[in-house]
Amino acid sequence: MISGFATSKGTKTFTEKHGSIPDRNFNVFEELSLSNVGIGTYLGNPDSETDSEVRQAVKKSIMSGVNVIDTAINYRAQKAERSVGKAIAELIEENKISRDEVFISTKNGYVTNDGDIAEDLMQYVMRELGKPGIVKEGDISAGYHCMTIPYLEDQLNRSIKNLGLECIDLMYLHNAVEGHPELSNDEFLEKLTSVIEFYEEKRKEGKIRFYGMATWECFRVDIDNKMFLSLEKVVETAKEIGGANHGLRFIQLPYNFHFDQAYMKKNQLYEQKQVSVLECAQRLGVGVFTSVPLMQGRLLEWVKNSKLFSNFSPPVGALQFVRSTPGVLAPLIGQKSDAHVTENLEIMKIPPFSENEFQETVKKLVT
C-alpha cells in the first residue's frame, strides 16, 4: 500500500518538474497545484489489453504534466481503479513521481461486479454483498445504485485495495440523485446527511482527504425538475456536520458545447440570487471538474466544422474552451490509446484563453 496523499509541496514540485508547461495550466485550489486538464478512465472493456492501454495512458499523461487522475469503482468493473493503481505504483518505483505530486479521485455508489472474476453481476452481488449482509433487500435501487453506509464502507475499502493507496485524495458519491429517482428531495437529503457524516469520519481516519458529488443532471436541471439539487443546501449540510473545515470541496458534472447548462443556466440560488452552478460553486469554495468534454468523440466533427478553433485540432479546441471557462478546475478527458493521449495533450503546451478571449469565443458561439 502506498502511503501519503497530494500535498501543496508535492504538487508544486510537480509543476516545477514540468517547467516548459505554461504556469496558467495549473490551478491552485485547496493549496494544491492541479493541472487544468485531467485524465478520465471510463472507457474500455474489462480485459487485460485495455488494462495495459489505460495503465500506459495514465503514465504518459502524468509524464506530460497531468497530475489529476479520475476513476470509479464501477469503471470497467473495478479494473480501471486497478490500472490507475498499477500506473501510480510503477511511476513511484521508477522514481519519476512521488505520491504527494498527484491528485487521485474515485467514485462509489453504483453496484458493480469484478472484471477479474468470472461471475455475472447478480451472482457477484449475492455472494460478495448479499450473504455477508453488506446489502439487504431494498438497499439497491432500480438503477443499480446504493448509498447505505455499510455498502459505501465496503466499496471504499475495495477502492483503497484496488488503487493500492492508503489514502484517496477525493471520493465522490456517484450519480446518487440520478441513481435514486424514487426518493423525494427531502428523503434524498436525509440519506445524503448520513453519507456526509460517514465521509467526515473517513477523513478523520485518514482514508480520504476530500469528498464530493459526481453528477449527471442534478446540478444542471431547472429548479422545478425532480432531479434538481441545491448546491448551497448540500454545502450547508457539510458545514453543519464538518464545520468550516468540512471536506466537501469538489463536484463533477458534464460540460461541453452541447451540455452548456453549467455555465449558461442560472438555476442555482446563492444568497437568494440566481446564478449558474459554476458561479455558485466558486462562491461556495467548491472546485468543479467536468466530464465528457468531447462527448466521447461525438463533438469532434462539430468542432471541426465550426471553424472557431482553426489554430487547434478539434480535441484541443474543445478542451481549450472547457478549461478556460470561469469556475472549471479541469475537464477530464477519457483517453487510452497512445495516439489519442499524444493528440489531446498538445493542450498542455499552450495556456488557456484569457477572460477576454473566452468571452469573444462565447459571443461567436451564440451568434
Protein backbone atom coordinates (compact mmCIF):
# COMPACT_ATOMS: atom_id res chain seq x y z
CA MET A 1 0.00 0.00 0.00
CA ILE A 2 1.32 3.42 -0.98
CA SER A 3 1.14 5.96 1.83
CA GLY A 4 0.56 9.69 1.58
CA PHE A 5 -1.68 11.99 -0.44
CA ALA A 6 -1.49 15.03 -2.68
CA THR A 7 0.10 17.97 -0.84
CA SER A 8 0.81 21.61 -1.51
CA LYS A 9 4.56 20.96 -1.57
CA GLY A 10 4.30 17.82 -3.68
CA THR A 11 2.01 19.26 -6.33
CA LYS A 12 4.15 22.40 -6.51
CA THR A 13 7.18 20.19 -7.09
CA PHE A 14 5.26 18.51 -9.89
CA THR A 15 4.72 21.84 -11.65
CA GLU A 16 8.41 22.67 -11.27
CA LYS A 17 9.36 19.38 -12.93
CA HIS A 18 7.31 20.49 -15.92
CA GLY A 19 8.76 23.97 -16.26
CA SER A 20 8.10 24.11 -20.00
CA ILE A 21 4.34 24.00 -19.37
CA PRO A 22 2.74 27.47 -19.06
CA ASP A 23 2.09 28.42 -15.42
CA ARG A 24 -1.60 29.05 -16.14
CA ASN A 25 -2.02 25.37 -16.98
CA PHE A 26 -2.11 24.71 -13.24
CA ASN A 27 -4.83 25.94 -10.91
CA VAL A 28 -4.18 26.32 -7.19
CA PHE A 29 -7.15 25.07 -5.21
CA GLU A 30 -7.16 23.97 -1.57
CA GLU A 31 -3.44 24.84 -1.69
CA LEU A 32 -2.89 22.13 -4.33
CA SER A 33 -1.39 22.86 -7.77
CA LEU A 34 -3.64 20.89 -10.12
CA SER A 35 -3.29 20.58 -13.89
CA ASN A 36 -6.20 22.21 -15.71
CA VAL A 37 -6.69 19.02 -17.74
CA GLY A 38 -7.20 15.63 -16.09
CA ILE A 39 -7.34 12.07 -17.37
CA GLY A 40 -10.54 10.04 -17.08
CA THR A 41 -10.66 6.24 -17.19
CA TYR A 42 -14.28 5.41 -18.01
CA LEU A 43 -13.87 3.91 -21.48
CA GLY A 44 -12.90 0.39 -22.46
CA ASN A 45 -13.69 -3.28 -21.95
CA PRO A 46 -12.79 -5.11 -18.73
CA ASP A 47 -9.96 -7.08 -20.34
CA SER A 48 -6.19 -7.31 -19.95
CA GLU A 49 -5.47 -5.49 -23.22
CA THR A 50 -7.41 -2.44 -22.04
CA ASP A 51 -5.71 -2.73 -18.63
CA SER A 52 -2.37 -2.23 -20.35
CA GLU A 53 -3.65 0.65 -22.50
CA VAL A 54 -5.13 2.52 -19.52
CA ARG A 55 -2.04 1.96 -17.40
CA GLN A 56 0.20 3.34 -20.13
CA ALA A 57 -2.18 6.25 -20.84
CA VAL A 58 -2.15 7.27 -17.18
CA LYS A 59 1.65 7.07 -17.05
CA LYS A 60 2.09 9.06 -20.26
CA SER A 61 -0.43 11.69 -19.11
CA ILE A 62 1.40 12.19 -15.83
CA MET A 63 4.77 12.43 -17.57
CA SER A 64 3.21 15.03 -19.90
CA GLY A 65 2.24 17.27 -16.98
CA VAL A 66 -1.19 15.99 -15.92
CA ASN A 67 -1.49 15.32 -12.19
CA VAL A 68 -5.29 14.96 -11.95
CA ILE A 69 -6.43 11.33 -12.36
CA ASP A 70 -10.10 10.33 -12.20
CA THR A 71 -11.63 6.86 -11.97
CA ALA A 72 -14.53 4.98 -10.33
CA ILE A 73 -15.04 1.54 -8.86
CA ASN A 74 -17.65 0.64 -11.47
CA TYR A 75 -15.48 1.73 -14.42
CA ARG A 76 -14.55 -1.42 -16.28
CA ALA A 77 -15.86 -3.48 -13.34
CA GLN A 78 -13.15 -2.35 -10.87
CA LYS A 79 -10.35 -2.82 -13.40
CA ALA A 80 -10.00 0.91 -14.13
CA GLU A 81 -9.05 1.53 -10.49
CA ARG A 82 -6.53 -1.31 -10.65
CA SER A 83 -4.99 0.07 -13.84
CA VAL A 84 -4.63 3.50 -12.21
CA GLY A 85 -3.10 1.94 -9.11
CA LYS A 86 -0.54 0.00 -11.14
CA ALA A 87 0.38 3.10 -13.15
CA ILE A 88 1.00 5.14 -9.99
CA ALA A 89 2.96 2.33 -8.35
CA GLU A 90 5.18 1.88 -11.42
CA LEU A 91 5.97 5.59 -11.69
CA ILE A 92 6.86 5.72 -7.99
CA GLU A 93 9.05 2.60 -8.32
CA GLU A 94 10.77 4.22 -11.31
CA ASN A 95 11.42 7.36 -9.18
CA LYS A 96 9.54 9.50 -11.68
CA ILE A 97 6.95 10.82 -9.21
CA SER A 98 6.16 10.71 -5.51
CA ARG A 99 2.69 10.06 -4.14
CA ASP A 100 2.24 13.65 -2.96
CA GLU A 101 2.54 15.04 -6.52
CA VAL A 102 -0.64 13.50 -7.94
CA PHE A 103 -4.33 14.00 -7.11
CA ILE A 104 -6.40 10.84 -7.44
CA SER A 105 -10.19 10.69 -7.30
CA THR A 106 -12.59 7.79 -7.48
CA LYS A 107 -16.33 7.27 -7.13
CA ASN A 108 -18.60 4.88 -5.28
CA GLY A 109 -22.34 4.23 -5.28
CA TYR A 110 -23.10 2.21 -8.38
CA VAL A 111 -23.31 -1.52 -7.93
CA THR A 112 -20.63 -3.33 -9.88
CA ASN A 113 -19.18 -6.77 -10.31
CA ASP A 114 -15.48 -7.65 -10.56
CA GLY A 115 -13.99 -7.93 -14.04
CA ASP A 116 -11.35 -10.33 -12.74
CA ILE A 117 -13.95 -12.83 -11.50
CA ALA A 118 -15.98 -14.94 -13.95
CA GLU A 119 -19.42 -14.20 -12.48
CA ASP A 120 -22.34 -12.18 -13.74
CA LEU A 121 -23.47 -9.15 -11.78
CA MET A 122 -26.20 -10.82 -9.72
CA GLN A 123 -24.03 -13.81 -8.79
CA TYR A 124 -21.32 -11.47 -7.62
CA VAL A 125 -23.70 -9.21 -5.69
CA MET A 126 -25.33 -12.12 -3.88
CA ARG A 127 -22.02 -13.75 -2.93
CA GLU A 128 -19.95 -10.66 -2.10
CA LEU A 129 -22.61 -8.32 -0.75
CA GLY A 130 -25.82 -10.19 -0.02
CA LYS A 131 -24.59 -13.18 2.01
CA PRO A 132 -22.32 -11.11 4.29
CA GLY A 133 -25.20 -8.70 4.93
CA ILE A 134 -23.48 -5.68 3.37
CA VAL A 135 -26.64 -5.05 1.37
CA LYS A 136 -30.13 -6.19 2.16
CA GLU A 137 -33.42 -6.24 0.28
CA GLY A 138 -34.46 -2.74 -0.75
CA ASP A 139 -30.99 -1.19 -0.46
CA ILE A 140 -30.24 -1.29 -4.18
CA SER A 141 -32.33 0.98 -6.40
CA ALA A 142 -33.78 0.07 -9.79
CA GLY A 143 -30.85 2.00 -11.26
CA TYR A 144 -28.36 -0.34 -9.52
CA HIS A 145 -27.29 2.31 -7.06
CA CYS A 146 -26.81 2.01 -3.31
CA MET A 147 -25.92 4.68 -0.78
CA THR A 148 -26.25 2.84 2.52
CA ILE A 149 -23.31 3.27 4.86
CA PRO A 150 -22.35 -0.46 5.06
CA TYR A 151 -22.24 -0.57 1.25
CA LEU A 152 -20.23 2.65 0.86
CA GLU A 153 -17.75 1.50 3.51
CA ASP A 154 -17.31 -1.82 1.72
CA GLN A 155 -16.79 -0.02 -1.59
CA LEU A 156 -14.32 2.47 -0.10
CA ASN A 157 -12.22 -0.37 1.25
CA ARG A 158 -12.30 -2.12 -2.13
CA SER A 159 -11.27 1.11 -3.87
CA ILE A 160 -8.34 1.52 -1.47
CA LYS A 161 -7.25 -2.05 -2.23
CA ASN A 162 -7.76 -1.67 -6.00
CA LEU A 163 -5.75 1.56 -6.11
CA GLY A 164 -3.12 0.35 -3.66
CA LEU A 165 -3.36 3.64 -1.76
CA GLU A 166 -3.66 4.19 1.97
CA CYS A 167 -5.47 7.48 1.33
CA ILE A 168 -7.60 8.60 -1.62
CA ASP A 169 -7.47 12.32 -2.36
CA LEU A 170 -11.11 12.66 -3.41
CA MET A 171 -14.05 10.30 -3.00
CA TYR A 172 -17.21 11.13 -4.91
CA LEU A 173 -20.71 9.88 -4.24
CA HIS A 174 -21.52 8.81 -7.79
CA ASN A 175 -24.72 9.96 -9.54
CA ALA A 176 -26.72 9.48 -6.36
CA VAL A 177 -29.72 11.67 -7.22
CA GLU A 178 -29.89 10.16 -10.68
CA GLY A 179 -29.50 6.67 -9.24
CA HIS A 180 -32.41 7.08 -6.80
CA PRO A 181 -35.31 8.65 -8.72
CA GLU A 182 -37.70 7.01 -6.26
CA LEU A 183 -36.59 9.36 -3.46
CA SER A 184 -38.15 12.74 -2.78
CA ASN A 185 -35.77 15.68 -2.33
CA ASP A 186 -36.23 15.57 1.44
CA GLU A 187 -35.64 11.81 1.55
CA PHE A 188 -32.52 12.17 -0.54
CA LEU A 189 -31.11 14.95 1.63
CA GLU A 190 -31.71 12.82 4.72
CA LYS A 191 -29.69 9.98 3.20
CA LEU A 192 -27.04 12.40 1.96
CA THR A 193 -26.62 13.73 5.51
CA SER A 194 -25.70 10.22 6.67
CA VAL A 195 -23.26 9.85 3.79
CA ILE A 196 -21.56 13.17 4.64
CA GLU A 197 -21.26 12.06 8.27
CA PHE A 198 -19.62 8.85 7.02
CA TYR A 199 -17.19 10.72 4.76
CA GLU A 200 -16.19 13.10 7.54
CA GLU A 201 -15.46 10.08 9.74
CA LYS A 202 -13.28 8.55 7.00
CA ARG A 203 -11.38 11.83 6.69
CA LYS A 204 -10.52 11.63 10.37
CA GLU A 205 -9.34 8.05 9.85
CA GLY A 206 -7.08 9.20 7.03
CA LYS A 207 -8.73 7.08 4.32
CA ILE A 208 -9.86 10.07 2.24
CA ARG A 209 -8.79 13.72 2.10
CA PHE A 210 -11.83 15.27 0.43
CA TYR A 211 -15.24 14.17 -0.78
CA GLY A 212 -17.85 15.42 -3.20
CA MET A 213 -20.57 14.51 -5.65
CA ALA A 214 -20.02 13.30 -9.21
CA THR A 215 -23.29 14.04 -11.01
CA TRP A 216 -25.03 13.99 -14.34
CA GLU A 217 -28.25 16.02 -14.09
CA CYS A 218 -28.95 17.29 -10.59
CA PHE A 219 -26.89 20.50 -10.62
CA ARG A 220 -27.80 21.42 -14.22
CA VAL A 221 -31.58 20.98 -14.43
CA ASP A 222 -34.27 23.57 -13.66
CA ILE A 223 -35.26 24.10 -10.05
CA ASP A 224 -38.70 22.56 -10.61
CA ASN A 225 -37.20 19.35 -12.03
CA LYS A 226 -37.47 16.34 -9.71
CA MET A 227 -33.74 15.71 -10.17
CA PHE A 228 -32.73 19.23 -9.05
CA LEU A 229 -30.36 19.59 -6.12
CA SER A 230 -29.31 22.83 -4.45
CA LEU A 231 -25.54 23.05 -4.17
CA GLU A 232 -25.84 25.69 -1.48
CA LYS A 233 -28.00 23.35 0.62
CA VAL A 234 -25.54 20.48 0.16
CA VAL A 235 -22.62 22.66 1.31
CA GLU A 236 -24.63 23.96 4.25
CA THR A 237 -25.22 20.35 5.32
CA ALA A 238 -21.49 19.63 5.11
CA LYS A 239 -20.75 22.72 7.22
CA GLU A 240 -23.26 21.62 9.86
CA ILE A 241 -21.52 18.25 10.11
CA GLY A 242 -17.86 19.03 9.46
CA GLY A 243 -17.63 22.69 10.42
CA ALA A 244 -15.78 25.34 8.42
CA ASN A 245 -13.09 22.81 7.50
CA HIS A 246 -15.54 20.28 6.07
CA GLY A 247 -14.29 18.08 3.23
CA LEU A 248 -16.99 18.68 0.61
CA ARG A 249 -14.78 20.69 -1.71
CA PHE A 250 -15.45 19.25 -5.18
CA ILE A 251 -18.21 18.32 -7.56
CA GLN A 252 -18.13 16.81 -11.03
CA LEU A 253 -20.65 17.37 -13.81
CA PRO A 254 -20.84 17.24 -17.62
CA TYR A 255 -19.91 20.38 -19.52
CA ASN A 256 -19.16 20.88 -23.20
CA PHE A 257 -20.54 22.70 -26.27
CA HIS A 258 -23.72 20.61 -26.10
CA PHE A 259 -24.12 20.36 -22.32
CA ASP A 260 -23.60 24.06 -21.61
CA GLN A 261 -26.01 24.41 -18.68
CA ALA A 262 -23.30 24.60 -16.00
CA TYR A 263 -22.23 27.95 -17.45
CA MET A 264 -25.36 29.22 -19.20
CA LYS A 265 -28.27 28.22 -16.96
CA LYS A 266 -28.87 30.31 -13.82
CA ASN A 267 -30.66 27.59 -11.91
CA GLN A 268 -28.89 27.72 -8.54
CA LEU A 269 -29.57 30.05 -5.64
CA TYR A 270 -26.71 31.69 -3.76
CA GLU A 271 -27.79 34.06 -1.02
CA GLN A 272 -31.14 34.47 -2.78
CA LYS A 273 -29.53 35.35 -6.11
CA GLN A 274 -29.99 33.21 -9.24
CA VAL A 275 -26.60 32.08 -10.53
CA SER A 276 -25.15 29.27 -12.62
CA VAL A 277 -23.79 26.22 -10.83
CA LEU A 278 -20.24 27.23 -11.82
CA GLU A 279 -20.67 30.66 -10.22
CA CYS A 280 -22.42 29.13 -7.21
CA ALA A 281 -19.55 26.67 -6.74
CA GLN A 282 -16.96 29.46 -6.91
CA ARG A 283 -18.80 31.48 -4.27
CA LEU A 284 -19.12 28.42 -2.02
CA GLY A 285 -15.46 27.42 -2.35
CA VAL A 286 -16.21 24.25 -4.31
CA GLY A 287 -13.96 23.14 -7.16
CA VAL A 288 -15.59 21.81 -10.33
CA PHE A 289 -14.15 19.06 -12.51
CA THR A 290 -16.06 18.47 -15.73
CA SER A 291 -16.76 15.27 -17.62
CA VAL A 292 -17.36 14.39 -21.30
CA PRO A 293 -15.59 17.41 -22.86
CA LEU A 294 -15.67 15.65 -26.24
CA MET A 295 -18.84 13.60 -25.61
CA GLN A 296 -16.72 10.51 -26.28
CA GLY A 297 -15.64 11.92 -29.63
CA ARG A 298 -19.11 12.85 -30.89
CA LEU A 299 -18.37 16.59 -30.75
CA LEU A 300 -15.17 16.48 -32.78
CA GLU A 301 -16.82 16.80 -36.19
CA TRP A 302 -18.93 19.72 -34.96
CA VAL A 303 -15.84 21.48 -33.58
CA LYS A 304 -14.04 20.94 -36.88
CA ASN A 305 -16.95 22.31 -38.93
CA SER A 306 -17.48 25.31 -36.62
CA LYS A 307 -14.08 26.71 -37.64
CA LEU A 308 -13.94 28.50 -34.28
CA PHE A 309 -10.68 26.85 -33.37
CA SER A 310 -8.79 26.80 -36.64
CA ASN A 311 -5.50 27.16 -34.76
CA PHE A 312 -6.10 23.92 -32.86
CA SER A 313 -7.01 20.32 -33.60
CA PRO A 314 -10.68 19.56 -32.75
CA PRO A 315 -9.94 17.84 -29.40
CA VAL A 316 -7.56 20.61 -28.32
CA GLY A 317 -10.11 23.24 -29.34
CA ALA A 318 -12.84 21.58 -27.29
CA LEU A 319 -10.57 21.16 -24.26
CA GLN A 320 -9.33 24.74 -24.59
CA PHE A 321 -12.87 26.11 -24.40
CA VAL A 322 -13.92 23.98 -21.44
CA ARG A 323 -10.81 24.52 -19.32
CA SER A 324 -10.93 28.29 -19.98
CA THR A 325 -14.50 28.59 -18.62
CA PRO A 326 -14.57 30.52 -15.32
CA GLY A 327 -15.13 28.13 -12.43
CA VAL A 328 -13.81 24.99 -14.15
CA LEU A 329 -10.78 23.43 -12.49
CA ALA A 330 -10.20 20.87 -15.24
CA PRO A 331 -12.04 18.86 -17.87
CA LEU A 332 -11.44 15.12 -17.53
CA ILE A 333 -10.55 13.61 -20.88
CA GLY A 334 -11.08 9.89 -21.40
CA GLN A 335 -8.09 8.56 -23.32
CA LYS A 336 -6.34 5.23 -23.55
CA SER A 337 -4.66 4.86 -26.95
CA ASP A 338 -1.15 6.26 -27.25
CA ALA A 339 -2.14 8.32 -30.31
CA HIS A 340 -5.11 9.94 -28.55
CA VAL A 341 -3.01 10.79 -25.48
CA THR A 342 -0.39 12.43 -27.70
CA GLU A 343 -3.01 14.40 -29.65
CA ASN A 344 -5.06 15.50 -26.64
CA LEU A 345 -2.12 16.55 -24.52
CA GLU A 346 -0.93 19.09 -27.06
CA ILE A 347 -3.23 21.23 -24.90
CA MET A 348 -0.56 21.28 -22.17
CA LYS A 349 1.81 23.21 -24.45
CA ILE A 350 -0.41 26.29 -24.65
CA PRO A 351 -2.03 28.48 -21.98
CA PRO A 352 -5.82 28.64 -21.55
CA PHE A 353 -7.77 31.52 -23.06
CA SER A 354 -7.68 34.82 -21.26
CA GLU A 355 -11.05 36.01 -19.93
CA ASN A 356 -11.44 38.31 -22.95
CA GLU A 357 -10.57 35.52 -25.40
CA PHE A 358 -13.08 33.23 -23.72
CA GLN A 359 -15.87 35.83 -23.84
CA GLU A 360 -15.16 36.52 -27.52
CA THR A 361 -15.47 32.79 -28.21
CA VAL A 362 -18.78 32.65 -26.35
CA LYS A 363 -20.11 35.54 -28.44
CA LYS A 364 -19.22 33.69 -31.64
CA LEU A 365 -20.89 30.54 -30.36
CA VAL A 366 -24.21 32.22 -29.58
CA THR A 367 -24.42 34.23 -32.82
